[in-house]
Amino acid sequence: MAKVLIVAAVLFGLWLLLRPHPRPKPAARLDEVEARAVLGVDAGADADAIRAAHRRLVSAVHPDKGGSAELTRRINAARDLLLGR
């Protein structure tokens, strides 16, 4: 009986390793107006204000805290666009 359980555990582990994994979606392309709207900053916002808005939003919607991976990607894309990355 123990051998059967060990074999089943090994097979299950192999299945977990070899199963197809979903690929992350590429970050959505934003224009500057939409990026500012996502972060909630105005056209005169400096880099520090953009970073502060990004930190505030990501801390609220991060997937590790039960939030959305897609929304986190959009917030990161907005920050990158506005900071010129």
C-alpha atoms as a PDB file:
ATOM      1  CA  MET A   1       0.000   0.000   0.000  1.00  0.00           C
ATOM      2  CA  ALA A   2       2.806   2.413   0.864  1.00  0.00           C
ATOM      3  CA  LYS A   3       4.471   1.766  -2.502  1.00  0.00           C
ATOM      4  CA  VAL A   4       1.257   2.660  -4.309  1.00  0.00           C
ATOM      5  CA  LEU A   5       1.045   5.964  -2.422  1.00  0.00           C
ATOM      6  CA  ILE A   6       4.663   6.789  -3.198  1.00  0.00           C
ATOM      7  CA  VAL A   7       4.176   6.041  -6.903  1.00  0.00           C
ATOM      8  CA  ALA A   8       0.985   8.131  -6.946  1.00  0.00           C
ATOM      9  CA  ALA A   9       2.786  11.042  -5.262  1.00  0.00           C
ATOM     10  CA  VAL A  10       5.668  10.853  -7.752  1.00  0.00           C
ATOM     11  CA  LEU A  11       3.291  10.726 -10.711  1.00  0.00           C
ATOM     12  CA  PHE A  12       1.321  13.683  -9.361  1.00  0.00           C
ATOM     13  CA  GLY A  13       4.555  15.665  -8.920  1.00  0.00           C
ATOM     14  CA  LEU A  14       5.582  14.882 -12.492  1.00  0.00           C
ATOM     15  CA  TRP A  15       2.176  15.937 -13.750  1.00  0.00           C
ATOM     16  CA  LEU A  16       2.518  19.272 -11.910  1.00  0.00           C
ATOM     17  CA  LEU A  17       5.928  19.868 -13.485  1.00  0.00           C
ATOM     18  CA  LEU A  18       4.991  18.850 -17.022  1.00  0.00           C
ATOM     19  CA  ARG A  19       1.496  20.320 -17.388  1.00  0.00           C
ATOM     20  CA  PRO A  20       1.141  23.361 -19.641  1.00  0.00           C
ATOM     21  CA  HIS A  21       1.387  26.620 -17.733  1.00  0.00           C
ATOM     22  CA  PRO A  22      -0.567  29.702 -18.771  1.00  0.00           C
ATOM     23  CA  ARG A  23       1.647  32.380 -20.237  1.00  0.00           C
ATOM     24  CA  PRO A  24       1.400  35.894 -18.830  1.00  0.00           C
ATOM     25  CA  LYS A  25      -0.346  38.371 -21.080  1.00  0.00           C
ATOM     26  CA  PRO A  26       1.774  41.156 -22.533  1.00  0.00           C
ATOM     27  CA  ALA A  27       1.314  44.566 -20.965  1.00  0.00           C
ATOM     28  CA  ALA A  28      -1.425  46.591 -22.602  1.00  0.00           C
ATOM     29  CA  ARG A  29      -0.289  49.495 -24.768  1.00  0.00           C
ATOM     30  CA  LEU A  30      -1.398  52.796 -23.282  1.00  0.00           C
ATOM     31  CA  ASP A  31      -1.204  56.328 -24.535  1.00  0.00           C
ATOM     32  CA  GLU A  32      -0.095  59.115 -22.185  1.00  0.00           C
ATOM     33  CA  VAL A  33      -3.622  60.354 -21.428  1.00  0.00           C
ATOM     34  CA  GLU A  34      -4.811  56.866 -20.489  1.00  0.00           C
ATOM     35  CA  ALA A  35      -1.663  56.218 -18.441  1.00  0.00           C
ATOM     36  CA  ARG A  36      -2.275  59.392 -16.422  1.00  0.00           C
ATOM     37  CA  ALA A  37      -5.901  58.364 -15.911  1.00  0.00           C
ATOM     38  CA  VAL A  38      -4.864  54.893 -14.690  1.00  0.00           C
ATOM     39  CA  LEU A  39      -2.480  56.379 -12.128  1.00  0.00           C
ATOM     40  CA  GLY A  40      -4.745  59.304 -11.303  1.00  0.00           C
ATOM     41  CA  VAL A  41      -2.103  61.989 -11.915  1.00  0.00           C
ATOM     42  CA  ASP A  42      -2.405  65.193 -13.906  1.00  0.00           C
ATOM     43  CA  ALA A  43      -0.235  66.400 -16.777  1.00  0.00           C
ATOM     44  CA  GLY A  44       1.963  68.435 -14.433  1.00  0.00           C
ATOM     45  CA  ALA A  45       2.856  65.485 -12.176  1.00  0.00           C
ATOM     46  CA  ASP A  46       6.570  64.969 -11.633  1.00  0.00           C
ATOM     47  CA  ALA A  47       8.401  61.640 -11.339  1.00  0.00           C
ATOM     48  CA  ASP A  48       7.982  61.523  -7.555  1.00  0.00           C
ATOM     49  CA  ALA A  49       4.203  61.971  -7.819  1.00  0.00           C
ATOM     50  CA  ILE A  50       4.025  59.249 -10.479  1.00  0.00           C
ATOM     51  CA  ARG A  51       6.031  56.846  -8.330  1.00  0.00           C
ATOM     52  CA  ALA A  52       3.899  57.620  -5.264  1.00  0.00           C
ATOM     53  CA  ALA A  53       0.672  57.013  -7.187  1.00  0.00           C
ATOM     54  CA  HIS A  54       2.094  53.760  -8.566  1.00  0.00           C
ATOM     55  CA  ARG A  55       3.087  52.510  -5.104  1.00  0.00           C
ATOM     56  CA  ARG A  56      -0.300  53.420  -3.652  1.00  0.00           C
ATOM     57  CA  LEU A  57      -2.239  51.649  -6.392  1.00  0.00           C
ATOM     58  CA  VAL A  58      -0.072  48.537  -6.645  1.00  0.00           C
ATOM     59  CA  SER A  59      -0.157  48.008  -2.889  1.00  0.00           C
ATOM     60  CA  ALA A  60      -3.961  47.935  -3.117  1.00  0.00           C
ATOM     61  CA  VAL A  61      -4.409  45.693  -6.187  1.00  0.00           C
ATOM     62  CA  HIS A  62      -1.371  43.379  -6.178  1.00  0.00           C
ATOM     63  CA  PRO A  63      -2.225  39.715  -6.835  1.00  0.00           C
ATOM     64  CA  ASP A  64      -0.471  38.680  -3.605  1.00  0.00           C
ATOM     65  CA  LYS A  65      -3.110  40.677  -1.749  1.00  0.00           C
ATOM     66  CA  GLY A  66      -6.010  39.177  -3.670  1.00  0.00           C
ATOM     67  CA  GLY A  67      -5.987  41.739  -6.456  1.00  0.00           C
ATOM     68  CA  SER A  68      -5.861  41.436 -10.217  1.00  0.00           C
ATOM     69  CA  ALA A  69      -2.735  40.565 -12.193  1.00  0.00           C
ATOM     70  CA  GLU A  70      -4.150  42.372 -15.231  1.00  0.00           C
ATOM     71  CA  LEU A  71      -4.747  45.589 -13.295  1.00  0.00           C
ATOM     72  CA  THR A  72      -1.250  45.400 -11.822  1.00  0.00           C
ATOM     73  CA  ARG A  73       0.163  45.033 -15.349  1.00  0.00           C
ATOM     74  CA  ARG A  74      -1.779  48.110 -16.514  1.00  0.00           C
ATOM     75  CA  ILE A  75      -0.543  50.153 -13.539  1.00  0.00           C
ATOM     76  CA  ASN A  76       3.055  49.087 -14.197  1.00  0.00           C
ATOM     77  CA  ALA A  77       2.712  49.887 -17.907  1.00  0.00           C
ATOM     78  CA  ALA A  78       1.326  53.348 -17.074  1.00  0.00           C
ATOM     79  CA  ARG A  79       4.240  54.049 -14.725  1.00  0.00           C
ATOM     80  CA  ASP A  80       6.782  52.856 -17.284  1.00  0.00           C
ATOM     81  CA  LEU A  81       5.274  55.010 -20.030  1.00  0.00           C
ATOM     82  CA  LEU A  82       5.137  58.153 -17.910  1.00  0.00           C
ATOM     83  CA  LEU A  83       8.656  57.704 -16.536  1.00  0.00           C
ATOM     84  CA  GLY A  84      10.034  57.025 -20.019  1.00  0.00           C
ATOM     85  CA  ARG A  85      11.159  53.442 -19.409  1.00  0.00           C
END
